[in-house]
């Protein structure tokens, strides 16, 4: 199936032509049929000579119903422009063409109707000249008469050729179905319709309603009037939603693949049309089937920031248009450059932002996004419309490898962060020489990192993380005064490893409580009790000495063999008990556990 929207001035025969091609009545409302004027969107379909199917979205031509027209054209990839031979190019012909151009529609066909009432040549020449100046470029033209049927076979053949030119839909893309109708079917509940431009829908799928917190589930699917278990793009679909009240959604809402779209009310865009400085402060943004009021802030000659009245599921690269409903004027097409732009709080920020936007073309670029954002989660980028390779391989560049969890980083910024972390840890060590390192959370705040796992990923030898702090990995990095004091202890007690300095001697050596704590944390000293410290290899030496005693042995025998005092022997033996090197017996004697 391919889907085409009509476009053209009121009363130029769009609905008549669709009716003649399909044998179906596109005007759904009695008021439309009574007045002979399309007011809202109509839908019909037919089989082409090739056997393929074309579905029409028939749009109103009157200027009062341009928002309805845009809701139908927005999600559709091709247009059938209709111009009457007896009236030629008219104001709504121009506005509809401007809308197609603004939306970047690149595939189309010209049908010159009422060829039985006037020579179609002049109208054809003028229309083709106007169309050629837009995104549609040179289009085929067919003269037809909905009344006599003349030219209809040629139009069908032209539609077949147009279908063959359209790019293949991306079936693996996430679903974003813009709703253009919502109604209730007795016994079935809420039904919405729209043009499925990418992806697949299946009965039973869980979807997300844009702007809502809870999921919705597909109860049933119809396409071309038939129930189907699934539908693939491009297609007109009707989706029956399970347990969703009718008043929960309507035209302009969207059904989405869960977790794949970023909902935003602030976007930076490039404008093609009126100059940015000439735009009114408020306009209407038309995207998909949605029409949302926006506040406009010019940034550069052709770039603006839009503040939307409500969030929409937008992606980088989306096409939309700005329109002034009061003047019935299309101000221009926009291409979304950024769906999560930075705030403009500082003086000169708008001008700096304009320079950044001047380099963007609306095509998602992973390397560029990382360079601009420095650190970002892969899932966030995907929801913005930026592809991130899921698996390592030849097609996955090094900068697409997560640095921690699902965090991606610009390589240059990541290297800079590593250097900053080393500098901050060194600074902290100078300012707090007796602390075991800098707290991870303090480092996270100092480096302005959003997640502590990023701090942990930045730590490299000779630094290490211990007890929630980042510091030196060995005693060699002890503060100089503490290292000197430890050397003095080793020099004075190295040949008496089980003798501990008295409290006053510790002070003379330069080892107060904070210094002792730093040395113990670094593994340079072994603390047995308050103000009782030994060199770190004392435990292994004590086990060797005690193993040479007759087993079991008493505290007194151990004290004499170790050549130490009761002040040291008691806590030393208790520590050996706790570590399982010795075992205390009921009579308070001990044995060495082999």
Protein backbone atom coordinates (compact mmCIF):
# COMPACT_ATOMS: atom_id res chain seq x y z
CA UNK A 1 0.00 0.00 0.00
CA UNK A 2 1.05 3.58 -0.50
CA UNK A 3 -0.72 6.61 0.92
CA UNK A 4 -1.26 9.90 -0.89
CA UNK A 5 -2.94 13.08 0.30
CA UNK A 6 -4.89 15.39 -1.95
CA UNK A 7 -4.17 19.11 -2.05
CA UNK A 8 -5.72 22.04 -3.85
CA UNK A 9 -8.18 24.92 -3.86
CA UNK A 10 -11.73 24.51 -2.63
CA UNK A 11 -14.20 23.18 -5.21
CA UNK A 12 -11.54 22.04 -7.67
CA UNK A 13 -12.83 18.50 -7.55
CA UNK A 14 -10.53 16.68 -5.12
CA UNK A 15 -13.30 14.61 -3.56
CA UNK A 16 -14.96 14.05 -6.93
CA UNK A 17 -11.70 12.71 -8.28
CA UNK A 18 -11.16 10.39 -5.29
CA UNK A 19 -14.75 9.18 -5.65
CA UNK A 20 -14.22 8.48 -9.35
CA UNK A 21 -10.97 6.61 -8.73
CA UNK A 22 -12.13 4.50 -5.80
CA UNK A 23 -15.91 4.23 -6.06
CA UNK A 24 -15.97 5.24 -2.38
CA UNK A 25 -17.43 8.33 -0.71
CA UNK A 26 -14.61 10.23 1.02
CA UNK A 27 -16.92 12.83 2.58
CA UNK A 28 -17.94 11.26 5.89
CA UNK A 29 -20.34 13.94 7.16
CA UNK A 30 -23.87 14.61 5.94
CA UNK A 31 -23.07 18.32 6.11
CA UNK A 32 -20.21 17.82 3.67
CA UNK A 33 -22.40 15.98 1.19
CA UNK A 34 -25.21 18.51 1.56
CA UNK A 35 -22.92 21.46 0.93
CA UNK A 36 -20.77 19.69 -1.64
CA UNK A 37 -17.65 20.87 0.24
CA UNK A 38 -15.16 18.82 2.20
CA UNK A 39 -14.83 20.04 5.78
CA UNK A 40 -12.78 17.33 7.43
CA UNK A 41 -10.45 14.54 6.36
CA UNK A 42 -11.85 11.78 4.18
CA UNK A 43 -10.40 8.37 3.40
CA UNK A 44 -10.74 5.98 0.46
CA UNK A 45 -8.65 3.42 -1.39
CA UNK A 46 -8.42 1.50 -4.63
CA UNK A 47 -6.37 -1.11 -6.46
CA UNK A 48 -3.94 0.14 -9.10
CA UNK A 49 -3.18 -1.58 -12.45
CA UNK A 50 -0.04 -3.15 -10.95
CA UNK A 51 -2.11 -4.81 -8.25
CA UNK A 52 -0.84 -2.46 -5.55
CA UNK A 53 -3.12 -0.40 -3.39
CA UNK A 54 -3.29 3.37 -3.02
CA UNK A 55 -5.06 4.93 -0.03
CA UNK A 56 -6.17 8.54 -0.29
CA UNK A 57 -6.36 11.08 2.50
CA UNK A 58 -8.79 13.60 1.04
CA UNK A 59 -8.33 17.04 2.58
CA UNK A 60 -10.57 20.13 2.65
CA UNK A 61 -9.64 22.98 0.34
CA UNK A 62 -11.35 25.94 2.03
CA UNK A 63 -9.04 28.34 3.84
CA UNK A 64 -11.06 27.97 7.07
CA UNK A 65 -10.15 24.28 7.20
CA UNK A 66 -6.41 24.47 6.51
CA UNK A 67 -5.62 23.02 9.98
CA UNK A 68 -7.66 19.94 9.03
CA UNK A 69 -5.81 19.76 5.72
CA UNK A 70 -2.44 19.91 7.50
CA UNK A 71 -3.47 17.14 9.90
CA UNK A 72 -4.00 14.88 6.90
CA UNK A 73 -0.92 15.89 4.93
CA UNK A 74 1.56 15.89 7.83
CA UNK A 75 2.26 12.14 8.09
CA UNK A 76 1.79 11.32 4.38
CA UNK A 77 4.80 10.83 2.04
CA UNK A 78 3.21 11.90 -1.29
CA UNK A 79 0.64 14.36 -2.59
CA UNK A 80 -1.88 14.49 -5.42
CA UNK A 81 -2.23 18.17 -6.29
CA UNK A 82 -5.53 19.01 -7.90
CA UNK A 83 -6.10 22.12 -10.04
CA UNK A 84 -9.27 22.80 -12.05
CA UNK A 85 -8.76 23.49 -15.76
CA UNK A 86 -11.52 26.12 -15.82
CA UNK A 87 -10.23 28.12 -12.82
CA UNK A 88 -6.50 27.49 -12.85
CA UNK A 89 -4.12 28.38 -10.04
CA UNK A 90 -5.94 29.82 -7.00
CA UNK A 91 -5.07 31.10 -3.49
CA UNK A 92 -5.58 27.79 -1.71
CA UNK A 93 -3.60 26.05 -4.44
CA UNK A 94 -0.71 28.28 -3.39
CA UNK A 95 -1.23 27.79 0.36
CA UNK A 96 -1.53 24.04 0.06
CA UNK A 97 1.61 23.91 -2.08
CA UNK A 98 3.44 26.11 0.43
CA UNK A 99 2.44 23.66 3.14
CA UNK A 100 3.72 20.68 1.14
CA UNK A 101 6.96 22.51 0.48
CA UNK A 102 7.32 23.45 4.14
CA UNK A 103 6.87 19.83 5.15
CA UNK A 104 9.47 18.74 2.60
CA UNK A 105 7.12 16.48 0.63
CA UNK A 106 9.24 15.35 -2.32
CA UNK A 107 6.90 13.03 -4.23
CA UNK A 108 3.78 14.13 -6.03
CA UNK A 109 1.52 14.18 -9.05
CA UNK A 110 -0.56 16.92 -10.67
CA UNK A 111 -4.15 16.19 -11.70
CA UNK A 112 -5.83 18.91 -13.78
CA UNK A 113 -9.55 18.32 -13.31
CA UNK A 114 -12.60 19.49 -15.27
CA UNK A 115 -10.74 18.90 -18.51
CA UNK A 116 -14.19 18.55 -20.09
CA UNK A 117 -14.97 22.22 -19.26
CA UNK A 118 -11.80 23.99 -20.43
CA UNK A 119 -8.48 23.48 -22.15
CA UNK A 120 -6.24 21.98 -19.43
CA UNK A 121 -3.06 23.33 -21.06
CA UNK A 122 -2.83 26.78 -19.42
CA UNK A 123 -3.73 25.47 -15.97
CA UNK A 124 -1.22 22.63 -16.34
CA UNK A 125 1.61 24.95 -17.39
CA UNK A 126 1.01 27.39 -14.54
CA UNK A 127 0.64 24.67 -11.92
CA UNK A 128 3.76 22.80 -13.02
CA UNK A 129 5.76 26.03 -12.95
CA UNK A 130 4.61 26.77 -9.41
CA UNK A 131 5.25 23.23 -8.21
CA UNK A 132 8.71 23.09 -9.78
CA UNK A 133 9.92 25.79 -7.39
CA UNK A 134 9.19 23.65 -4.33
CA UNK A 135 10.46 20.46 -2.74
CA UNK A 136 8.29 18.48 -5.18
CA UNK A 137 10.24 19.68 -8.21
CA UNK A 138 9.07 18.58 -11.66
CA UNK A 139 5.96 16.42 -11.36
CA UNK A 140 3.99 14.43 -13.95
CA UNK A 141 0.65 15.95 -14.94
CA UNK A 142 -2.54 14.22 -16.04
CA UNK A 143 -5.67 15.95 -17.36
CA UNK A 144 -8.85 14.25 -16.11
CA UNK A 145 -12.57 14.66 -15.77
CA UNK A 146 -14.24 13.21 -12.74
CA UNK A 147 -17.59 13.60 -14.51
CA UNK A 148 -16.82 11.82 -17.82
CA UNK A 149 -14.00 9.59 -16.61
CA UNK A 150 -11.60 10.91 -19.23
CA UNK A 151 -7.96 10.55 -18.16
CA UNK A 152 -8.66 8.27 -15.21
CA UNK A 153 -6.75 5.29 -16.69
CA UNK A 154 -3.77 7.57 -17.29
CA UNK A 155 -4.02 8.89 -13.72
CA UNK A 156 -4.09 5.36 -12.35
CA UNK A 157 -0.96 4.50 -14.33
CA UNK A 158 0.72 7.69 -13.09
CA UNK A 159 -0.14 6.76 -9.50
CA UNK A 160 1.47 3.36 -10.08
CA UNK A 161 4.65 5.04 -11.30
CA UNK A 162 4.60 7.40 -8.31
CA UNK A 163 4.29 4.46 -5.92
CA UNK A 164 7.33 2.82 -7.50
CA UNK A 165 9.42 5.95 -6.84
CA UNK A 166 8.73 6.16 -3.12
CA UNK A 167 11.53 5.02 -0.79
CA UNK A 168 10.93 1.75 1.01
CA UNK A 169 9.56 2.23 4.52
CA UNK A 170 11.78 1.34 7.47
CA UNK A 171 9.97 -1.55 9.11
CA UNK A 172 12.35 -1.80 12.07
CA UNK A 173 11.79 1.80 13.15
CA UNK A 174 9.72 2.54 16.24
CA UNK A 175 6.03 3.32 15.72
CA UNK A 176 4.81 6.90 15.91
CA UNK A 177 1.23 6.91 14.73
CA UNK A 178 -0.22 10.41 14.61
CA UNK A 179 -3.93 10.20 15.33
CA UNK A 180 -6.18 11.97 12.82
CA UNK A 181 -9.52 10.49 13.96
CA UNK A 182 -10.83 9.10 17.24
CA UNK A 183 -14.24 7.55 17.74
CA UNK A 184 -16.12 4.83 19.60
CA UNK A 185 -17.45 1.61 18.11
CA UNK A 186 -20.21 -0.05 20.10
CA UNK A 187 -18.95 -3.30 21.54
CA UNK A 188 -15.32 -2.52 20.70
CA UNK A 189 -14.51 0.73 22.47
CA UNK A 190 -12.13 3.44 21.35
CA UNK A 191 -10.75 3.39 17.80
CA UNK A 192 -8.15 5.77 16.37
CA UNK A 193 -6.94 6.09 12.80
CA UNK A 194 -3.77 7.40 11.25
CA UNK A 195 -1.09 6.87 8.63
CA UNK A 196 1.57 4.40 9.74
CA UNK A 197 4.71 5.83 8.20
CA UNK A 198 7.30 3.48 9.72
CA UNK A 199 7.48 0.31 11.78
CA UNK A 200 4.91 -2.40 12.41
CA UNK A 201 1.80 -2.76 14.52
CA UNK A 202 0.46 -6.05 15.85
CA UNK A 203 -2.60 -7.03 17.78
CA UNK A 204 -1.57 -7.29 21.43
CA UNK A 205 1.21 -4.68 21.14
CA UNK A 206 1.71 -2.40 24.11
CA UNK A 207 2.04 1.23 23.07
CA UNK A 208 2.54 4.52 24.80
CA UNK A 209 0.11 7.39 24.49
CA UNK A 210 2.12 10.57 24.04
CA UNK A 211 1.89 12.65 27.19
CA UNK A 212 0.31 9.89 29.32
CA UNK A 213 2.03 7.82 31.97
CA UNK A 214 0.25 4.51 31.51
CA UNK A 215 0.51 2.19 28.49
CA UNK A 216 -2.27 1.29 26.06
CA UNK A 217 -2.76 -2.05 24.34
CA UNK A 218 -3.83 -2.83 20.77
CA UNK A 219 -7.06 -4.82 20.93
CA UNK A 220 -7.60 -4.97 17.17
CA UNK A 221 -6.29 -3.64 13.85
CA UNK A 222 -8.07 -2.73 10.63
CA UNK A 223 -6.57 -1.60 7.36
CA UNK A 224 -8.55 -0.93 4.17
CA UNK A 225 -11.70 -1.99 5.97
CA UNK A 226 -10.45 -5.45 6.96
CA UNK A 227 -9.37 -6.85 10.33
CA UNK A 228 -5.70 -7.80 10.32
CA UNK A 229 -3.34 -9.38 12.87
CA UNK A 230 -0.64 -6.88 11.95
CA UNK A 231 0.05 -3.89 9.72
CA UNK A 232 3.35 -2.68 8.29
CA UNK A 233 4.26 0.75 7.00
CA UNK A 234 3.21 2.52 4.90
CA UNK A 235 -0.49 1.99 5.62
CA UNK A 236 -3.72 3.57 6.71
CA UNK A 237 -4.70 1.85 9.95
CA UNK A 238 -7.50 1.85 12.46
CA UNK A 239 -6.41 0.79 15.93
CA UNK A 240 -8.85 -0.49 18.53
CA UNK A 241 -7.43 0.29 21.99
CA UNK A 242 -8.26 -1.86 24.98
CA UNK A 243 -9.65 -0.03 28.01
CA UNK A 244 -8.85 3.48 26.78
CA UNK A 245 -11.65 6.05 27.20
CA UNK A 246 -12.62 8.01 24.09
CA UNK A 247 -11.95 11.34 25.79
CA UNK A 248 -8.35 10.40 26.50
CA UNK A 249 -7.10 11.04 22.99
CA UNK A 250 -7.94 12.74 19.73
CA UNK A 251 -6.45 14.38 16.67
CA UNK A 252 -2.91 15.49 17.29
CA UNK A 253 -2.13 12.77 19.83
CA UNK A 254 0.26 9.96 18.96
CA UNK A 255 0.65 6.26 19.70
CA UNK A 256 4.29 5.36 20.26
CA UNK A 257 6.64 2.46 20.73
CA UNK A 258 7.34 2.67 24.49
CA UNK A 259 10.57 4.32 25.53
CA UNK A 260 11.64 5.37 22.04
CA UNK A 261 10.59 9.01 21.88
CA UNK A 262 11.57 12.14 23.75
CA UNK A 263 8.61 14.28 24.79
CA UNK A 264 9.61 17.91 24.60
CA UNK A 265 8.07 21.36 24.79
CA UNK A 266 11.28 23.13 23.74
CA UNK A 267 13.01 22.70 20.37
CA UNK A 268 15.57 24.51 18.26
CA UNK A 269 14.74 24.47 14.57
CA UNK A 270 15.95 25.73 11.21
CA UNK A 271 13.39 27.81 9.32
CA UNK A 272 12.90 27.85 5.56
CA UNK A 273 10.56 30.65 4.56
CA UNK A 274 10.12 33.97 6.34
CA UNK A 275 13.19 35.44 8.03
CA UNK A 276 13.45 34.48 11.69
CA UNK A 277 13.49 38.11 12.78
CA UNK A 278 10.18 38.77 10.96
CA UNK A 279 8.21 36.03 12.71
CA UNK A 280 5.43 36.97 15.13
CA UNK A 281 5.99 36.11 18.78
CA UNK A 282 3.29 33.42 18.66
CA UNK A 283 2.47 31.00 15.86
CA UNK A 284 1.05 27.51 15.40
CA UNK A 285 3.34 24.56 14.84
CA UNK A 286 1.91 21.81 12.63
CA UNK A 287 3.68 18.44 12.87
CA UNK A 288 2.15 15.06 12.13
CA UNK A 289 -1.54 15.57 12.82
CA UNK A 290 -0.86 17.97 15.71
CA UNK A 291 -1.36 21.73 15.75
CA UNK A 292 0.23 23.34 18.82
CA UNK A 293 0.61 27.04 19.69
CA UNK A 294 4.24 28.05 20.12
CA UNK A 295 6.19 31.05 21.33
CA UNK A 296 9.00 32.01 18.97
CA UNK A 297 12.47 33.21 19.95
CA UNK A 298 14.75 34.06 17.01
CA UNK A 299 18.34 32.92 17.44
CA UNK A 300 20.04 33.31 14.06
CA UNK A 301 18.95 34.47 10.59
CA UNK A 302 17.21 31.14 9.95
CA UNK A 303 17.16 29.46 13.39
CA UNK A 304 14.61 29.88 16.15
CA UNK A 305 13.71 28.36 19.49
CA UNK A 306 10.11 27.24 19.91
CA UNK A 307 8.34 26.88 23.25
CA UNK A 308 5.40 24.52 22.70
CA UNK A 309 2.12 24.84 24.57
CA UNK A 310 2.26 21.08 25.23
CA UNK A 311 4.99 18.46 24.85
CA UNK A 312 5.17 16.45 21.64
CA UNK A 313 7.15 13.30 20.75
CA UNK A 314 9.66 14.91 18.40
CA UNK A 315 12.91 13.65 16.89
CA UNK A 316 15.96 15.32 15.46
CA UNK A 317 15.29 15.74 11.74
CA UNK A 318 11.50 15.99 11.99
CA UNK A 319 9.83 18.27 9.45
CA UNK A 320 7.03 20.63 10.48
CA UNK A 321 5.64 24.02 9.51
CA UNK A 322 4.85 27.29 11.22
CA UNK A 323 1.62 29.05 10.36
CA UNK A 324 -0.03 32.29 11.39
CA UNK A 325 -3.72 31.28 11.66
CA UNK A 326 -4.85 34.89 11.91
CA UNK A 327 -3.29 35.82 8.56
CA UNK A 328 -3.88 32.40 6.93
CA UNK A 329 -0.19 32.47 6.16
CA UNK A 330 2.41 29.68 6.11
CA UNK A 331 5.47 31.30 7.63
CA UNK A 332 7.75 28.48 6.61
CA UNK A 333 8.87 24.94 7.09
CA UNK A 334 11.06 23.95 9.99
CA UNK A 335 13.52 21.15 10.49
CA UNK A 336 14.10 20.07 14.06
CA UNK A 337 17.76 20.45 15.02
CA UNK A 338 17.60 19.76 18.76
CA UNK A 339 14.82 18.34 20.94
CA UNK A 340 16.69 18.89 24.22
CA UNK A 341 18.40 22.27 23.80
CA UNK A 342 20.40 23.93 26.60
CA UNK A 343 19.00 26.91 28.53
CA UNK A 344 19.88 30.41 27.38
CA UNK A 345 20.45 31.99 30.75
CA UNK A 346 23.66 33.98 30.29
CA UNK A 347 24.29 37.13 28.35
CA UNK A 348 25.33 36.23 24.83
CA UNK A 349 24.02 32.68 25.11
CA UNK A 350 21.52 33.13 22.25
CA UNK A 351 24.23 34.33 19.85
CA UNK A 352 26.52 31.47 20.87
CA UNK A 353 23.69 29.01 20.39
CA UNK A 354 22.99 30.40 16.91
CA UNK A 355 26.61 29.66 15.95
CA UNK A 356 26.21 26.06 17.11
CA UNK A 357 22.93 25.64 15.23
CA UNK A 358 24.45 27.11 12.05
CA UNK A 359 26.58 23.95 11.79
CA UNK A 360 23.65 21.52 12.15
CA UNK A 361 21.63 20.18 9.23
CA UNK A 362 18.96 18.21 11.08
CA UNK A 363 20.54 14.85 10.32
CA UNK A 364 21.14 12.82 13.51
CA UNK A 365 24.86 12.61 14.16
CA UNK A 366 26.15 10.54 17.08
CA UNK A 367 29.68 11.96 17.10
CA UNK A 368 28.37 15.51 16.88
CA UNK A 369 25.84 15.00 19.68
CA UNK A 370 28.56 13.60 21.94
CA UNK A 371 30.84 16.51 21.11
CA UNK A 372 28.13 19.02 22.00
CA UNK A 373 26.63 17.24 25.01
CA UNK A 374 29.88 15.69 26.31
CA UNK A 375 28.09 13.09 28.45
CA UNK A 376 24.72 11.49 27.76
CA UNK A 377 22.95 8.18 28.18
CA UNK A 378 22.57 6.03 25.07
CA UNK A 379 18.85 5.64 25.74
CA UNK A 380 18.40 9.41 25.82
CA UNK A 381 20.08 9.75 22.42
CA UNK A 382 17.90 7.00 20.95
CA UNK A 383 14.76 8.77 22.20
CA UNK A 384 15.99 11.93 20.48
CA UNK A 385 16.27 10.10 17.16
CA UNK A 386 20.04 9.54 17.17
CA UNK A 387 21.06 6.00 16.24
CA UNK A 388 23.42 4.27 18.69
CA UNK A 389 24.96 0.92 17.66
CA UNK A 390 23.70 -1.67 20.10
CA UNK A 391 26.44 -4.29 19.84
CA UNK A 392 30.24 -4.09 19.58
CA UNK A 393 31.57 -4.81 16.12
CA UNK A 394 33.26 -3.41 13.08
CA UNK A 395 30.43 -0.95 12.51
CA UNK A 396 30.54 0.37 16.07
CA UNK A 397 33.05 3.23 16.43
CA UNK A 398 35.11 3.53 19.60
CA UNK A 399 33.24 6.63 20.74
CA UNK A 400 30.00 4.60 20.75
CA UNK A 401 31.36 2.30 23.48
CA UNK A 402 29.77 3.16 26.84
CA UNK A 403 32.24 4.50 29.39
CA UNK A 404 30.08 3.31 32.31
CA UNK A 405 26.65 1.66 32.31
CA UNK A 406 24.88 3.14 29.29
CA UNK A 407 26.73 6.45 29.52
CA UNK A 408 28.45 7.67 26.34
CA UNK A 409 31.11 10.35 26.37
CA UNK A 410 32.92 12.54 23.92
CA UNK A 411 36.46 11.05 23.90
CA UNK A 412 38.23 14.39 24.34
CA UNK A 413 35.96 15.38 27.21
CA UNK A 414 36.42 11.99 28.87
CA UNK A 415 40.22 12.37 28.75
CA UNK A 416 39.90 15.86 30.22
CA UNK A 417 37.71 14.52 33.03
CA UNK A 418 40.33 11.89 33.84
CA UNK A 419 42.99 14.58 34.11
CA UNK A 420 40.72 16.74 36.26
CA UNK A 421 39.99 13.83 38.59
CA UNK A 422 43.71 13.22 39.14
CA UNK A 423 44.23 16.93 39.83
CA UNK A 424 41.32 17.09 42.26
CA UNK A 425 42.50 14.03 44.19
CA UNK A 426 46.00 15.49 44.43
CA UNK A 427 44.65 18.85 45.58
CA UNK A 428 42.50 17.16 48.22
CA UNK A 429 45.52 15.18 49.43
CA UNK A 430 47.51 18.40 49.83
CA UNK A 431 44.71 20.14 51.69
CA UNK A 432 43.73 17.09 53.78
CA UNK A 433 46.95 15.08 54.04
CA UNK A 434 45.71 12.72 56.73
CA UNK A 435 42.45 11.69 55.02
CA UNK A 436 42.49 8.38 53.10
CA UNK A 437 41.30 10.01 49.87
CA UNK A 438 38.64 12.23 48.37
CA UNK A 439 35.00 11.11 48.77
CA UNK A 440 33.46 9.86 45.52
CA UNK A 441 30.43 12.12 45.89
CA UNK A 442 32.64 15.16 46.47
CA UNK A 443 34.51 14.30 43.27
CA UNK A 444 31.23 13.89 41.39
CA UNK A 445 30.11 17.35 42.46
CA UNK A 446 33.50 18.94 41.75
CA UNK A 447 33.54 17.46 38.22
CA UNK A 448 29.80 18.21 37.69
CA UNK A 449 29.08 14.58 36.82
CA UNK A 450 25.47 13.33 36.85
CA UNK A 451 26.22 9.83 38.17
CA UNK A 452 28.80 8.46 40.63
CA UNK A 453 29.45 5.46 38.35
CA UNK A 454 31.20 7.93 36.04
CA UNK A 455 33.62 8.85 38.83
CA UNK A 456 34.32 5.18 39.46
CA UNK A 457 34.96 4.61 35.74
CA UNK A 458 37.45 7.47 35.64
CA UNK A 459 39.65 6.11 38.45
CA UNK A 460 42.88 4.62 37.10
CA UNK A 461 46.05 3.34 38.83
CA UNK A 462 47.90 4.54 40.80
CA UNK A 463 44.58 5.73 42.26
CA UNK A 464 41.99 3.39 43.71
CA UNK A 465 38.58 3.51 45.37
CA UNK A 466 38.44 2.29 48.95
CA UNK A 467 35.56 2.77 51.38
CA UNK A 468 33.90 5.35 49.16
CA UNK A 469 37.03 7.45 48.69
CA UNK A 470 39.49 7.90 45.85
CA UNK A 471 43.13 7.98 46.88
CA UNK A 472 46.59 6.52 46.46
CA UNK A 473 46.80 2.78 45.97
CA UNK A 474 49.83 2.17 48.27
CA UNK A 475 51.61 3.36 51.34
CA UNK A 476 54.24 4.94 49.09
CA UNK A 477 51.78 7.80 48.63
CA UNK A 478 51.50 8.60 52.35
CA UNK A 479 51.82 12.27 53.22
CA UNK A 480 55.51 13.05 53.72
CA UNK A 481 55.33 13.67 57.52
CA UNK A 482 53.49 10.38 58.08
CA UNK A 483 55.83 8.44 55.80
CA UNK A 484 58.82 9.88 57.71
CA UNK A 485 57.28 8.89 61.05
CA UNK A 486 56.71 5.34 59.82
CA UNK A 487 60.32 5.14 58.68
CA UNK A 488 61.42 6.18 62.18
CA UNK A 489 59.28 3.45 63.73
CA UNK A 490 60.80 0.88 61.36
CA UNK A 491 64.32 2.08 62.10
CA UNK A 492 63.81 2.04 65.88
CA UNK A 493 61.71 -1.12 66.22
CA UNK A 494 62.65 -3.15 63.14
CA UNK A 495 64.80 -5.53 65.21
CA UNK A 496 62.14 -5.63 67.99
CA UNK A 497 59.01 -6.19 65.85
CA UNK A 498 56.73 -7.02 68.82
CA UNK A 499 57.60 -3.97 70.90
CA UNK A 500 55.16 -1.06 70.53
CA UNK A 501 56.11 2.59 71.17
CA UNK A 502 54.57 4.08 74.28
CA UNK A 503 52.09 6.95 73.85
CA UNK A 504 54.65 9.68 74.55
CA UNK A 505 57.14 8.06 72.18
CA UNK A 506 54.49 8.00 69.41
CA UNK A 507 54.10 11.75 69.86
CA UNK A 508 57.89 12.20 69.70
CA UNK A 509 57.93 10.18 66.46
CA UNK A 510 55.22 12.43 64.96
CA UNK A 511 52.36 9.94 65.17
CA UNK A 512 49.23 11.49 66.63
CA UNK A 513 45.78 9.88 66.27
CA UNK A 514 45.19 11.31 62.76
CA UNK A 515 48.65 10.31 61.56
CA UNK A 516 48.26 6.81 62.95
CA UNK A 517 44.87 6.54 61.22
CA UNK A 518 46.38 7.55 57.88
CA UNK A 519 49.23 5.06 58.24
CA UNK A 520 46.88 2.22 59.25
CA UNK A 521 44.54 2.91 56.30
CA UNK A 522 47.52 2.83 53.98
CA UNK A 523 48.73 -0.46 55.46
CA UNK A 524 51.94 1.08 56.78
CA UNK A 525 51.14 0.31 60.44
CA UNK A 526 49.08 -2.31 62.26
CA UNK A 527 46.79 -1.06 65.04
CA UNK A 528 46.20 -3.51 67.89
CA UNK A 529 44.45 -1.09 70.27
CA UNK A 530 44.43 2.60 71.08
CA UNK A 531 48.03 3.83 70.97
CA UNK A 532 49.25 0.27 70.39
CA UNK A 533 50.74 -0.09 66.90
CA UNK A 534 53.19 -2.48 65.28
CA UNK A 535 54.76 -2.72 61.86
CA UNK A 536 52.44 -4.46 59.36
CA UNK A 537 54.46 -7.70 59.05
CA UNK A 538 54.27 -8.37 62.80
CA UNK A 539 51.33 -10.77 62.51
CA UNK A 540 53.08 -13.25 60.23
CA UNK A 541 56.21 -13.05 62.35
CA UNK A 542 54.24 -13.69 65.54
CA UNK A 543 52.63 -16.82 64.09
CA UNK A 544 56.05 -18.21 63.16
CA UNK A 545 57.41 -17.59 66.66
CA UNK A 546 54.35 -19.03 68.43
CA UNK A 547 54.35 -22.12 66.22
CA UNK A 548 57.79 -22.97 67.62
CA UNK A 549 56.49 -23.14 71.18
CA UNK A 550 55.25 -26.35 72.82
CA UNK A 551 51.54 -26.53 72.11
CA UNK A 552 49.38 -25.39 73.80
CA UNK A 553 51.07 -22.30 75.18
CA UNK A 554 50.10 -19.71 77.77
CA UNK A 555 49.94 -15.94 77.53
CA UNK A 556 53.07 -15.70 79.63
CA UNK A 557 54.97 -18.10 77.38
CA UNK A 558 53.85 -16.16 74.31
CA UNK A 559 54.90 -12.84 75.84
CA UNK A 560 58.36 -14.15 76.67
CA UNK A 561 58.85 -15.77 73.25
CA UNK A 562 57.81 -12.57 71.47
CA UNK A 563 59.95 -10.44 73.78
CA UNK A 564 57.14 -8.02 74.41
CA UNK A 565 54.90 -6.70 77.14
CA UNK A 566 51.46 -7.74 78.30
CA UNK A 567 50.20 -4.40 76.82
CA UNK A 568 51.07 -5.76 73.37
CA UNK A 569 50.70 -9.52 73.85
CA UNK A 570 47.04 -9.48 74.94
CA UNK A 571 45.60 -7.57 71.94
CA UNK A 572 48.03 -9.31 69.57
CA UNK A 573 46.83 -12.78 70.60
CA UNK A 574 43.18 -11.64 70.47
CA UNK A 575 43.72 -10.41 66.91
CA UNK A 576 45.33 -13.74 65.95
CA UNK A 577 42.31 -15.51 67.47
CA UNK A 578 39.91 -13.43 65.38
CA UNK A 579 41.84 -14.14 62.22
CA UNK A 580 41.92 -17.88 62.92
CA UNK A 581 45.70 -18.12 63.23
CA UNK A 582 45.39 -19.24 66.87
CA UNK A 583 42.64 -20.84 68.94
CA UNK A 584 41.98 -20.13 72.60
CA UNK A 585 41.25 -23.21 74.74
CA UNK A 586 38.91 -23.43 77.76
CA UNK A 587 41.82 -23.11 80.19
CA UNK A 588 42.93 -19.88 78.43
CA UNK A 589 45.89 -21.61 76.79
CA UNK A 590 46.22 -21.36 73.00
CA UNK A 591 47.38 -23.39 70.04
CA UNK A 592 48.54 -22.32 66.61
CA UNK A 593 46.10 -23.46 63.93
CA UNK A 594 48.07 -25.07 61.12
